[in-house]
């Protein structure tokens, strides 16, 4: 499985996860790529809750990703803490998913 990061994800990553915490998230997604909740109206984009060291899942970060099964890819789209944002509209994520699918 190949992980591909959007420029937005890469830019935000150091603000939320250490390298070790990110490796843990990647390992988790490798084992269970369908673990994240499907975001309604997004065209297959998923949201997974992840707890950095010292916080619980409910107060942790949300990683938004798209699992492109046909190419064995996981596209890491963005991430945020729950305290910063409640959700990202599904229609916005659907546009991103369509761009990845048509690639």
N, C-alpha and C. Protein backbone atom coordinates (compact mmCIF):
# COMPACT_ATOMS: atom_id res chain seq x y z
N UNK A 1 0.86 -1.18 0.00
CA UNK A 1 0.00 0.00 0.00
C UNK A 1 0.90 1.23 0.00
N UNK A 2 0.53 2.19 -0.82
CA UNK A 2 1.29 3.42 -0.95
C UNK A 2 0.51 4.55 -0.30
N UNK A 3 1.18 5.34 0.54
CA UNK A 3 0.57 6.53 1.13
C UNK A 3 0.97 7.73 0.29
N UNK A 4 -0.02 8.53 -0.08
CA UNK A 4 0.22 9.75 -0.83
C UNK A 4 -0.38 10.90 -0.03
N UNK A 5 0.41 11.93 0.20
CA UNK A 5 -0.04 13.08 0.98
C UNK A 5 -0.32 14.26 0.07
N UNK A 6 -1.43 14.94 0.32
CA UNK A 6 -1.66 16.20 -0.36
C UNK A 6 -0.73 17.23 0.26
N UNK A 7 -0.50 18.32 -0.44
CA UNK A 7 0.38 19.37 0.10
C UNK A 7 -0.21 19.95 1.38
N UNK A 8 -1.52 20.01 1.46
CA UNK A 8 -2.18 20.50 2.69
C UNK A 8 -1.86 19.59 3.86
N UNK A 9 -1.99 18.28 3.65
CA UNK A 9 -1.72 17.32 4.71
C UNK A 9 -0.26 17.44 5.18
N UNK A 10 0.66 17.46 4.22
CA UNK A 10 2.08 17.54 4.55
C UNK A 10 2.40 18.80 5.35
N UNK A 11 1.77 19.89 4.99
CA UNK A 11 2.00 21.17 5.69
C UNK A 11 1.47 21.12 7.13
N UNK A 12 0.31 20.50 7.33
CA UNK A 12 -0.32 20.46 8.64
C UNK A 12 0.25 19.39 9.58
N UNK A 13 0.79 18.34 9.03
CA UNK A 13 1.22 17.17 9.80
C UNK A 13 2.09 17.50 11.01
N UNK A 14 3.16 18.31 10.87
CA UNK A 14 4.02 18.56 12.03
C UNK A 14 3.30 19.28 13.19
N UNK A 15 2.19 19.93 12.90
CA UNK A 15 1.44 20.62 13.95
C UNK A 15 0.63 19.66 14.83
N UNK A 16 0.44 18.43 14.36
CA UNK A 16 -0.45 17.51 15.05
C UNK A 16 0.20 16.20 15.50
N UNK A 17 1.13 15.67 14.70
CA UNK A 17 1.69 14.36 15.00
C UNK A 17 3.20 14.36 14.87
N UNK A 18 3.84 13.61 15.76
CA UNK A 18 5.27 13.36 15.60
C UNK A 18 5.45 12.31 14.51
N UNK A 19 6.68 12.12 14.06
CA UNK A 19 6.94 11.08 13.06
C UNK A 19 6.48 9.71 13.56
N UNK A 20 6.75 9.43 14.82
CA UNK A 20 6.38 8.14 15.40
C UNK A 20 4.86 7.98 15.46
N UNK A 21 4.15 9.03 15.84
CA UNK A 21 2.68 8.96 15.89
C UNK A 21 2.09 8.77 14.49
N UNK A 22 2.69 9.43 13.51
CA UNK A 22 2.21 9.29 12.13
C UNK A 22 2.47 7.88 11.62
N UNK A 23 3.62 7.31 11.94
CA UNK A 23 3.89 5.92 11.56
C UNK A 23 2.86 4.98 12.17
N UNK A 24 2.47 5.27 13.41
CA UNK A 24 1.44 4.46 14.06
C UNK A 24 0.11 4.54 13.32
N UNK A 25 -0.26 5.74 12.90
CA UNK A 25 -1.49 5.92 12.13
C UNK A 25 -1.40 5.19 10.80
N UNK A 26 -0.27 5.30 10.12
CA UNK A 26 -0.10 4.60 8.84
C UNK A 26 -0.20 3.08 9.02
N UNK A 27 0.43 2.56 10.05
CA UNK A 27 0.37 1.13 10.32
C UNK A 27 -1.07 0.68 10.56
N UNK A 28 -1.79 1.47 11.33
CA UNK A 28 -3.20 1.18 11.61
C UNK A 28 -4.01 1.15 10.31
N UNK A 29 -3.80 2.14 9.45
CA UNK A 29 -4.54 2.20 8.18
C UNK A 29 -4.12 1.08 7.23
N UNK A 30 -2.86 0.66 7.29
CA UNK A 30 -2.43 -0.48 6.46
C UNK A 30 -3.18 -1.74 6.85
N UNK A 31 -3.36 -1.92 8.15
CA UNK A 31 -4.04 -3.12 8.65
C UNK A 31 -5.55 -3.07 8.42
N UNK A 32 -6.11 -1.86 8.50
CA UNK A 32 -7.57 -1.68 8.39
C UNK A 32 -7.88 -0.44 7.56
N UNK A 33 -7.66 -0.49 6.25
CA UNK A 33 -7.85 0.73 5.45
C UNK A 33 -9.29 1.24 5.40
N UNK A 34 -10.24 0.39 5.77
CA UNK A 34 -11.64 0.83 5.76
C UNK A 34 -12.15 1.21 7.15
N UNK A 35 -11.24 1.43 8.09
CA UNK A 35 -11.62 1.69 9.47
C UNK A 35 -12.31 3.03 9.67
N UNK A 36 -11.95 4.02 8.90
CA UNK A 36 -12.53 5.34 9.08
C UNK A 36 -13.99 5.39 8.68
N UNK A 37 -14.72 6.29 9.32
CA UNK A 37 -16.13 6.48 8.99
C UNK A 37 -16.24 7.13 7.61
N UNK A 38 -17.11 6.60 6.76
CA UNK A 38 -17.38 7.23 5.48
C UNK A 38 -18.07 8.57 5.73
N UNK A 39 -17.62 9.60 5.05
CA UNK A 39 -18.22 10.91 5.19
C UNK A 39 -19.35 11.03 4.17
N UNK A 40 -20.53 11.29 4.66
CA UNK A 40 -21.72 11.34 3.81
C UNK A 40 -21.54 12.35 2.67
N UNK A 41 -21.86 11.89 1.47
CA UNK A 41 -21.80 12.76 0.30
C UNK A 41 -20.42 13.07 -0.22
N UNK A 42 -19.41 12.31 0.24
CA UNK A 42 -18.01 12.62 -0.10
C UNK A 42 -17.46 11.79 -1.25
N UNK A 43 -18.18 10.79 -1.69
CA UNK A 43 -17.66 9.95 -2.75
C UNK A 43 -16.62 8.94 -2.29
N UNK A 44 -16.65 8.59 -1.01
CA UNK A 44 -15.75 7.56 -0.50
C UNK A 44 -14.65 8.04 0.43
N UNK A 45 -14.62 9.32 0.75
CA UNK A 45 -13.62 9.86 1.67
C UNK A 45 -13.99 9.41 3.09
N UNK A 46 -12.96 9.10 3.87
CA UNK A 46 -13.16 8.61 5.24
C UNK A 46 -12.50 9.52 6.26
N UNK A 47 -13.03 9.44 7.49
CA UNK A 47 -12.47 10.20 8.61
C UNK A 47 -12.15 9.21 9.71
N UNK A 48 -10.90 9.24 10.18
CA UNK A 48 -10.51 8.38 11.28
C UNK A 48 -10.09 9.26 12.45
N UNK A 49 -10.49 8.86 13.63
CA UNK A 49 -10.08 9.56 14.86
C UNK A 49 -8.79 8.92 15.33
N UNK A 50 -7.82 9.77 15.68
CA UNK A 50 -6.53 9.26 16.11
C UNK A 50 -6.07 10.05 17.32
N UNK A 51 -5.55 9.35 18.31
CA UNK A 51 -5.14 9.98 19.56
C UNK A 51 -3.63 10.10 19.63
N UNK A 52 -3.10 11.32 19.50
CA UNK A 52 -1.67 11.51 19.75
C UNK A 52 -1.36 11.20 21.21
N UNK A 53 -0.10 11.02 21.51
CA UNK A 53 0.30 10.73 22.89
C UNK A 53 -0.28 11.77 23.84
N UNK A 54 -0.88 11.30 24.93
CA UNK A 54 -1.38 12.19 25.95
C UNK A 54 -2.81 12.68 25.73
N UNK A 55 -3.50 12.15 24.73
CA UNK A 55 -4.89 12.56 24.54
C UNK A 55 -5.73 11.35 24.14
N UNK A 56 -7.01 11.43 24.43
CA UNK A 56 -7.92 10.36 24.03
C UNK A 56 -8.44 10.60 22.62
N UNK A 57 -9.06 9.56 22.03
CA UNK A 57 -9.56 9.69 20.66
C UNK A 57 -10.58 10.82 20.52
N UNK A 58 -11.44 10.98 21.53
CA UNK A 58 -12.48 12.00 21.40
C UNK A 58 -11.89 13.41 21.35
N UNK A 59 -10.74 13.60 21.96
CA UNK A 59 -10.10 14.91 21.94
C UNK A 59 -8.92 14.98 21.01
N UNK A 60 -8.67 13.91 20.27
CA UNK A 60 -7.50 13.84 19.41
C UNK A 60 -7.71 14.50 18.07
N UNK A 61 -7.02 13.99 17.07
CA UNK A 61 -7.09 14.57 15.74
C UNK A 61 -8.03 13.76 14.85
N UNK A 62 -8.42 14.37 13.77
CA UNK A 62 -9.20 13.71 12.74
C UNK A 62 -8.35 13.70 11.48
N UNK A 63 -8.11 12.53 10.94
CA UNK A 63 -7.36 12.41 9.68
C UNK A 63 -8.36 12.06 8.59
N UNK A 64 -8.35 12.84 7.53
CA UNK A 64 -9.25 12.65 6.41
C UNK A 64 -8.46 12.00 5.29
N UNK A 65 -8.97 10.87 4.78
CA UNK A 65 -8.22 10.14 3.76
C UNK A 65 -9.15 9.48 2.76
N UNK A 66 -8.58 9.09 1.65
CA UNK A 66 -9.32 8.38 0.60
C UNK A 66 -8.55 7.12 0.26
N UNK A 67 -9.21 5.97 0.35
CA UNK A 67 -8.58 4.69 0.03
C UNK A 67 -8.91 4.35 -1.41
N UNK A 68 -7.92 4.42 -2.27
CA UNK A 68 -8.09 4.09 -3.69
C UNK A 68 -7.70 2.63 -3.86
N UNK A 69 -8.69 1.76 -3.66
CA UNK A 69 -8.46 0.31 -3.65
C UNK A 69 -7.79 -0.19 -4.92
N UNK A 70 -8.26 0.29 -6.07
CA UNK A 70 -7.78 -0.23 -7.35
C UNK A 70 -6.27 -0.05 -7.54
N UNK A 71 -5.72 1.00 -6.97
CA UNK A 71 -4.28 1.27 -7.10
C UNK A 71 -3.50 1.00 -5.82
N UNK A 72 -4.18 0.46 -4.81
CA UNK A 72 -3.55 0.18 -3.51
C UNK A 72 -2.90 1.43 -2.94
N UNK A 73 -3.68 2.52 -2.90
CA UNK A 73 -3.18 3.80 -2.40
C UNK A 73 -4.11 4.32 -1.31
N UNK A 74 -3.50 4.98 -0.34
CA UNK A 74 -4.25 5.74 0.65
C UNK A 74 -3.80 7.19 0.51
N UNK A 75 -4.74 8.04 0.14
CA UNK A 75 -4.46 9.46 -0.03
C UNK A 75 -4.79 10.17 1.27
N UNK A 76 -3.78 10.76 1.89
CA UNK A 76 -3.97 11.52 3.12
C UNK A 76 -4.31 12.95 2.70
N UNK A 77 -5.54 13.37 2.97
CA UNK A 77 -6.04 14.63 2.45
C UNK A 77 -5.80 15.81 3.38
N UNK A 78 -6.22 15.67 4.63
CA UNK A 78 -6.02 16.74 5.60
C UNK A 78 -6.17 16.17 7.00
N UNK A 79 -5.86 16.97 7.99
CA UNK A 79 -6.09 16.59 9.37
C UNK A 79 -6.33 17.83 10.20
N UNK A 80 -7.02 17.63 11.32
CA UNK A 80 -7.37 18.75 12.19
C UNK A 80 -7.74 18.20 13.56
N UNK A 81 -7.76 19.08 14.55
CA UNK A 81 -8.21 18.65 15.87
C UNK A 81 -9.70 18.95 15.97
N UNK A 82 -10.38 18.18 16.78
CA UNK A 82 -11.82 18.35 16.92
C UNK A 82 -12.16 19.74 17.42
N UNK A 83 -11.30 20.29 18.26
CA UNK A 83 -11.57 21.62 18.82
C UNK A 83 -11.50 22.72 17.77
N UNK A 84 -10.82 22.46 16.65
CA UNK A 84 -10.68 23.47 15.60
C UNK A 84 -11.84 23.46 14.62
N UNK A 85 -12.38 22.28 14.35
CA UNK A 85 -13.37 22.16 13.28
C UNK A 85 -14.26 20.96 13.56
N UNK A 86 -15.55 21.12 13.35
CA UNK A 86 -16.47 20.02 13.57
C UNK A 86 -16.44 19.03 12.42
N UNK A 87 -16.45 19.52 11.19
CA UNK A 87 -16.42 18.63 10.04
C UNK A 87 -16.13 19.41 8.77
N UNK A 88 -15.85 18.69 7.71
CA UNK A 88 -15.65 19.27 6.40
C UNK A 88 -16.83 18.83 5.54
N UNK A 89 -17.46 19.75 4.82
CA UNK A 89 -18.63 19.37 4.02
C UNK A 89 -18.32 18.26 3.03
N UNK A 90 -19.23 17.29 2.95
CA UNK A 90 -19.05 16.14 2.07
C UNK A 90 -18.88 16.52 0.61
N UNK A 91 -19.60 17.54 0.15
CA UNK A 91 -19.50 17.90 -1.27
C UNK A 91 -18.10 18.40 -1.64
N UNK A 92 -17.41 19.04 -0.69
CA UNK A 92 -16.04 19.49 -0.96
C UNK A 92 -15.11 18.28 -1.07
N UNK A 93 -15.30 17.31 -0.19
CA UNK A 93 -14.47 16.11 -0.21
C UNK A 93 -14.76 15.26 -1.44
N UNK A 94 -16.00 15.28 -1.90
CA UNK A 94 -16.36 14.51 -3.10
C UNK A 94 -15.58 15.01 -4.31
N UNK A 95 -15.39 16.31 -4.42
CA UNK A 95 -14.62 16.87 -5.53
C UNK A 95 -13.18 16.36 -5.50
N UNK A 96 -12.62 16.29 -4.31
CA UNK A 96 -11.25 15.79 -4.16
C UNK A 96 -11.19 14.31 -4.54
N UNK A 97 -12.15 13.54 -4.03
CA UNK A 97 -12.19 12.09 -4.32
C UNK A 97 -12.32 11.85 -5.82
N UNK A 98 -13.14 12.63 -6.50
CA UNK A 98 -13.31 12.47 -7.95
C UNK A 98 -12.00 12.76 -8.68
N UNK A 99 -11.29 13.78 -8.24
CA UNK A 99 -10.00 14.11 -8.87
C UNK A 99 -9.00 12.97 -8.69
N UNK A 100 -9.00 12.33 -7.52
CA UNK A 100 -8.09 11.21 -7.26
C UNK A 100 -8.49 10.01 -8.13
N UNK A 101 -9.77 9.71 -8.17
CA UNK A 101 -10.26 8.56 -8.96
C UNK A 101 -9.91 8.70 -10.43
N UNK A 102 -10.02 9.91 -10.92
CA UNK A 102 -9.80 10.15 -12.35
C UNK A 102 -8.36 10.48 -12.69
N UNK A 103 -7.53 10.51 -11.65
CA UNK A 103 -6.22 10.77 -11.67
C UNK A 103 -5.15 11.07 -12.44
